[in-house]
Amino acid sequence: MTASKKLLIVAHAPSPNLIKLVDATIKGASVENFTGIEVNYLKPLDTQSSDIISADAIIIGTTENLGYMSGLIKDVFDRCYYDCLETTQGKPFAYFIRAGHDGTGTKRAIDTITTGLRWRLIKEPLLCKGPFQEEFVSQCEELGLFVAASLDAGII
């Protein structure tokens, strides 16, 4: 059976804790009830414009580095921006930030870029702030579930 909708997860996971968050997001999005959803996780350096263009929805995951998104997530936007500008308007997306501080600079940067792309934010950004907490894992799983359920139900 061919999946009818594609969910792309692009995340930078440089640490064991970030890997937990990415795995949880994938787990939430991959619930067996969503048989018409194809979940595809790509590392930033493996992500191409065609992956973004062909996705029906996107989840972005990034660390907060010096008050900004990770360099590898920024690289995805740098490489893919102009190819996606006219072809992905209205693209539904969500994102999470693993922020050691407050995440506001990272949020502002992602919001600015995705506003320029005219993407449609479908859920308030998930800010996993401060020291790592196991609660972040369940929150990322819920984020994946939310986006996949929305795709499956045809809401997005």
C-alpha atoms as a PDB file:
ATOM      1  CA  MET A   1       0.000   0.000   0.000  1.00  0.00           C
ATOM      2  CA  THR A   2       1.378   3.400  -0.970  1.00  0.00           C
ATOM      3  CA  ALA A   3       1.193   6.131   1.631  1.00  0.00           C
ATOM      4  CA  SER A   4      -1.032   8.967   0.580  1.00  0.00           C
ATOM      5  CA  LYS A   5       0.595  11.688   2.698  1.00  0.00           C
ATOM      6  CA  LYS A   6       4.211  12.387   3.612  1.00  0.00           C
ATOM      7  CA  LEU A   7       5.409  13.799   6.898  1.00  0.00           C
ATOM      8  CA  LEU A   8       9.018  14.989   6.850  1.00  0.00           C
ATOM      9  CA  ILE A   9      10.950  15.363  10.090  1.00  0.00           C
ATOM     10  CA  VAL A  10      14.187  17.328   9.774  1.00  0.00           C
ATOM     11  CA  ALA A  11      16.145  17.616  12.993  1.00  0.00           C
ATOM     12  CA  HIS A  12      19.646  18.224  14.200  1.00  0.00           C
ATOM     13  CA  ALA A  13      20.435  15.756  16.985  1.00  0.00           C
ATOM     14  CA  PRO A  14      24.047  16.212  18.148  1.00  0.00           C
ATOM     15  CA  SER A  15      23.580  14.652  21.602  1.00  0.00           C
ATOM     16  CA  PRO A  16      21.957  11.624  23.240  1.00  0.00           C
ATOM     17  CA  ASN A  17      19.204  13.836  24.673  1.00  0.00           C
ATOM     18  CA  LEU A  18      18.397  15.300  21.255  1.00  0.00           C
ATOM     19  CA  ILE A  19      18.342  11.822  19.773  1.00  0.00           C
ATOM     20  CA  LYS A  20      15.713  10.929  22.412  1.00  0.00           C
ATOM     21  CA  LEU A  21      13.602  13.893  21.300  1.00  0.00           C
ATOM     22  CA  VAL A  22      13.873  13.022  17.618  1.00  0.00           C
ATOM     23  CA  ASP A  23      13.079   9.359  18.308  1.00  0.00           C
ATOM     24  CA  ALA A  24      10.045  10.402  20.359  1.00  0.00           C
ATOM     25  CA  THR A  25       8.797  12.679  17.574  1.00  0.00           C
ATOM     26  CA  ILE A  26       9.143   9.843  15.063  1.00  0.00           C
ATOM     27  CA  LYS A  27       7.427   7.418  17.461  1.00  0.00           C
ATOM     28  CA  GLY A  28       4.470   9.760  17.941  1.00  0.00           C
ATOM     29  CA  ALA A  29       4.108  10.314  14.208  1.00  0.00           C
ATOM     30  CA  SER A  30       4.377   6.605  13.425  1.00  0.00           C
ATOM     31  CA  VAL A  31       1.344   5.337  15.326  1.00  0.00           C
ATOM     32  CA  GLU A  32      -0.023   2.262  13.560  1.00  0.00           C
ATOM     33  CA  ASN A  33      -3.481   3.832  13.207  1.00  0.00           C
ATOM     34  CA  PHE A  34      -2.102   6.215  10.583  1.00  0.00           C
ATOM     35  CA  THR A  35      -1.637   3.771   7.731  1.00  0.00           C
ATOM     36  CA  GLY A  36      -1.888   6.502   5.107  1.00  0.00           C
ATOM     37  CA  ILE A  37       1.043   8.490   6.525  1.00  0.00           C
ATOM     38  CA  GLU A  38       4.653   7.985   5.476  1.00  0.00           C
ATOM     39  CA  VAL A  39       7.036   9.358   8.112  1.00  0.00           C
ATOM     40  CA  ASN A  40      10.484  10.257   6.840  1.00  0.00           C
ATOM     41  CA  TYR A  41      13.270  11.501   9.125  1.00  0.00           C
ATOM     42  CA  LEU A  42      16.256  13.213   7.529  1.00  0.00           C
ATOM     43  CA  LYS A  43      19.346  14.698   9.059  1.00  0.00           C
ATOM     44  CA  PRO A  44      19.899  18.295   7.947  1.00  0.00           C
ATOM     45  CA  LEU A  45      22.799  17.520   5.605  1.00  0.00           C
ATOM     46  CA  ASP A  46      20.707  14.825   3.903  1.00  0.00           C
ATOM     47  CA  THR A  47      17.723  17.125   3.340  1.00  0.00           C
ATOM     48  CA  GLN A  48      17.190  18.462  -0.171  1.00  0.00           C
ATOM     49  CA  SER A  49      14.664  20.901  -1.613  1.00  0.00           C
ATOM     50  CA  SER A  50      12.846  18.002  -3.278  1.00  0.00           C
ATOM     51  CA  ASP A  51      12.261  16.392   0.137  1.00  0.00           C
ATOM     52  CA  ILE A  52      10.611  19.550   1.428  1.00  0.00           C
ATOM     53  CA  ILE A  53       8.606  20.115  -1.738  1.00  0.00           C
ATOM     54  CA  SER A  54       7.246  16.559  -1.769  1.00  0.00           C
ATOM     55  CA  ALA A  55       6.279  16.570   1.932  1.00  0.00           C
ATOM     56  CA  ASP A  56       2.686  17.253   2.937  1.00  0.00           C
ATOM     57  CA  ALA A  57       3.823  18.544   6.346  1.00  0.00           C
ATOM     58  CA  ILE A  58       7.124  19.162   8.121  1.00  0.00           C
ATOM     59  CA  ILE A  59       8.397  18.998  11.683  1.00  0.00           C
ATOM     60  CA  ILE A  60      11.674  20.785  12.366  1.00  0.00           C
ATOM     61  CA  GLY A  61      13.802  20.052  15.416  1.00  0.00           C
ATOM     62  CA  THR A  62      16.746  22.164  16.476  1.00  0.00           C
ATOM     63  CA  THR A  63      18.995  23.038  19.323  1.00  0.00           C
ATOM     64  CA  GLU A  64      19.460  26.576  20.548  1.00  0.00           C
ATOM     65  CA  ASN A  65      23.058  27.510  19.781  1.00  0.00           C
ATOM     66  CA  LEU A  66      24.241  30.915  20.963  1.00  0.00           C
ATOM     67  CA  GLY A  67      20.669  32.175  20.906  1.00  0.00           C
ATOM     68  CA  TYR A  68      20.007  30.893  17.371  1.00  0.00           C
ATOM     69  CA  MET A  69      18.961  27.717  15.584  1.00  0.00           C
ATOM     70  CA  SER A  70      21.616  25.100  14.913  1.00  0.00           C
ATOM     71  CA  GLY A  71      23.890  25.851  11.991  1.00  0.00           C
ATOM     72  CA  LEU A  72      22.797  22.681  10.213  1.00  0.00           C
ATOM     73  CA  ILE A  73      19.107  23.621  10.339  1.00  0.00           C
ATOM     74  CA  LYS A  74      20.023  27.095   9.074  1.00  0.00           C
ATOM     75  CA  ASP A  75      21.964  25.361   6.300  1.00  0.00           C
ATOM     76  CA  VAL A  76      18.793  23.527   5.212  1.00  0.00           C
ATOM     77  CA  PHE A  77      16.969  26.834   4.944  1.00  0.00           C
ATOM     78  CA  ASP A  78      19.922  28.456   3.135  1.00  0.00           C
ATOM     79  CA  ARG A  79      20.184  25.670   0.556  1.00  0.00           C
ATOM     80  CA  CYS A  80      16.478  25.120  -0.001  1.00  0.00           C
ATOM     81  CA  TYR A  81      14.886  28.543   0.457  1.00  0.00           C
ATOM     82  CA  TYR A  82      14.696  29.722  -3.131  1.00  0.00           C
ATOM     83  CA  ASP A  83      13.738  26.323  -4.563  1.00  0.00           C
ATOM     84  CA  CYS A  84      10.901  26.135  -2.032  1.00  0.00           C
ATOM     85  CA  LEU A  85       9.802  29.774  -2.076  1.00  0.00           C
ATOM     86  CA  GLU A  86       7.149  29.499  -4.783  1.00  0.00           C
ATOM     87  CA  THR A  87       6.376  25.791  -4.462  1.00  0.00           C
ATOM     88  CA  THR A  88       5.730  25.347  -0.728  1.00  0.00           C
ATOM     89  CA  GLN A  89       3.529  28.297   0.192  1.00  0.00           C
ATOM     90  CA  GLY A  90       0.996  27.232   2.791  1.00  0.00           C
ATOM     91  CA  LYS A  91       3.087  24.166   3.751  1.00  0.00           C
ATOM     92  CA  PRO A  92       1.916  23.047   7.216  1.00  0.00           C
ATOM     93  CA  PHE A  93       4.732  22.761   9.728  1.00  0.00           C
ATOM     94  CA  ALA A  94       5.570  22.574  13.390  1.00  0.00           C
ATOM     95  CA  TYR A  95       8.837  22.676  15.287  1.00  0.00           C
ATOM     96  CA  PHE A  96      10.579  22.048  18.558  1.00  0.00           C
ATOM     97  CA  ILE A  97      13.565  23.790  20.103  1.00  0.00           C
ATOM     98  CA  ARG A  98      15.836  22.240  22.701  1.00  0.00           C
ATOM     99  CA  ALA A  99      16.839  25.439  24.464  1.00  0.00           C
ATOM    100  CA  GLY A 100      19.312  25.599  27.299  1.00  0.00           C
ATOM    101  CA  HIS A 101      18.210  29.190  27.831  1.00  0.00           C
ATOM    102  CA  ASP A 102      14.918  30.708  26.672  1.00  0.00           C
ATOM    103  CA  GLY A 103      14.796  29.850  22.947  1.00  0.00           C
ATOM    104  CA  THR A 104      13.467  33.260  21.903  1.00  0.00           C
ATOM    105  CA  GLY A 105      16.229  34.012  19.378  1.00  0.00           C
ATOM    106  CA  THR A 106      15.848  30.593  17.797  1.00  0.00           C
ATOM    107  CA  LYS A 107      12.061  30.939  17.652  1.00  0.00           C
ATOM    108  CA  ARG A 108      12.340  34.411  16.128  1.00  0.00           C
ATOM    109  CA  ALA A 109      14.746  33.148  13.444  1.00  0.00           C
ATOM    110  CA  ILE A 110      12.586  30.173  12.462  1.00  0.00           C
ATOM    111  CA  ASP A 111       9.457  32.326  12.447  1.00  0.00           C
ATOM    112  CA  THR A 112      11.155  34.912  10.216  1.00  0.00           C
ATOM    113  CA  ILE A 113      12.346  32.366   7.663  1.00  0.00           C
ATOM    114  CA  THR A 114       9.104  30.393   7.552  1.00  0.00           C
ATOM    115  CA  THR A 115       7.077  33.603   7.271  1.00  0.00           C
ATOM    116  CA  GLY A 116       9.193  34.473   4.237  1.00  0.00           C
ATOM    117  CA  LEU A 117       8.445  31.022   2.814  1.00  0.00           C
ATOM    118  CA  ARG A 118       4.765  31.582   3.664  1.00  0.00           C
ATOM    119  CA  TRP A 119       4.566  28.274   5.534  1.00  0.00           C
ATOM    120  CA  ARG A 120       1.631  27.699   7.878  1.00  0.00           C
ATOM    121  CA  LEU A 121       2.444  27.040  11.540  1.00  0.00           C
ATOM    122  CA  ILE A 122      -0.072  24.441  12.733  1.00  0.00           C
ATOM    123  CA  LYS A 123       0.890  24.183  16.399  1.00  0.00           C
ATOM    124  CA  GLU A 124       2.519  26.538  18.858  1.00  0.00           C
ATOM    125  CA  PRO A 125       6.292  25.884  18.874  1.00  0.00           C
ATOM    126  CA  LEU A 126       7.461  23.424  21.500  1.00  0.00           C
ATOM    127  CA  LEU A 127      10.187  25.052  23.598  1.00  0.00           C
ATOM    128  CA  CYS A 128      12.047  22.496  25.709  1.00  0.00           C
ATOM    129  CA  LYS A 129      13.798  25.005  27.992  1.00  0.00           C
ATOM    130  CA  GLY A 130      16.333  24.697  30.763  1.00  0.00           C
ATOM    131  CA  PRO A 131      18.010  21.545  32.008  1.00  0.00           C
ATOM    132  CA  PHE A 132      16.919  18.407  30.172  1.00  0.00           C
ATOM    133  CA  GLN A 133      13.723  16.862  31.542  1.00  0.00           C
ATOM    134  CA  GLU A 134      12.176  13.515  30.597  1.00  0.00           C
ATOM    135  CA  GLU A 135       8.925  15.454  30.090  1.00  0.00           C
ATOM    136  CA  PHE A 136      10.468  16.819  26.870  1.00  0.00           C
ATOM    137  CA  VAL A 137      10.404  13.302  25.434  1.00  0.00           C
ATOM    138  CA  SER A 138       6.651  12.901  25.900  1.00  0.00           C
ATOM    139  CA  GLN A 139       6.053  16.436  24.583  1.00  0.00           C
ATOM    140  CA  CYS A 140       7.938  15.612  21.364  1.00  0.00           C
ATOM    141  CA  GLU A 141       6.005  12.371  21.024  1.00  0.00           C
ATOM    142  CA  GLU A 142       2.765  14.355  21.360  1.00  0.00           C
ATOM    143  CA  LEU A 143       3.992  16.808  18.712  1.00  0.00           C
ATOM    144  CA  GLY A 144       4.643  13.970  16.251  1.00  0.00           C
ATOM    145  CA  LEU A 145       1.254  12.448  17.051  1.00  0.00           C
ATOM    146  CA  PHE A 146      -0.522  15.784  16.600  1.00  0.00           C
ATOM    147  CA  VAL A 147       0.955  16.451  13.163  1.00  0.00           C
ATOM    148  CA  ALA A 148       0.406  12.900  11.918  1.00  0.00           C
ATOM    149  CA  ALA A 149      -3.175  12.812  13.247  1.00  0.00           C
ATOM    150  CA  SER A 150      -3.886  16.163  11.594  1.00  0.00           C
ATOM    151  CA  LEU A 151      -2.553  14.868   8.280  1.00  0.00           C
ATOM    152  CA  ASP A 152      -4.464  11.606   8.629  1.00  0.00           C
ATOM    153  CA  ALA A 153      -7.728  13.423   9.396  1.00  0.00           C
ATOM    154  CA  GLY A 154      -7.252  15.820   6.475  1.00  0.00           C
ATOM    155  CA  ILE A 155      -7.193  18.844   8.791  1.00  0.00           C
ATOM    156  CA  ILE A 156      -3.887  19.987   7.285  1.00  0.00           C
END
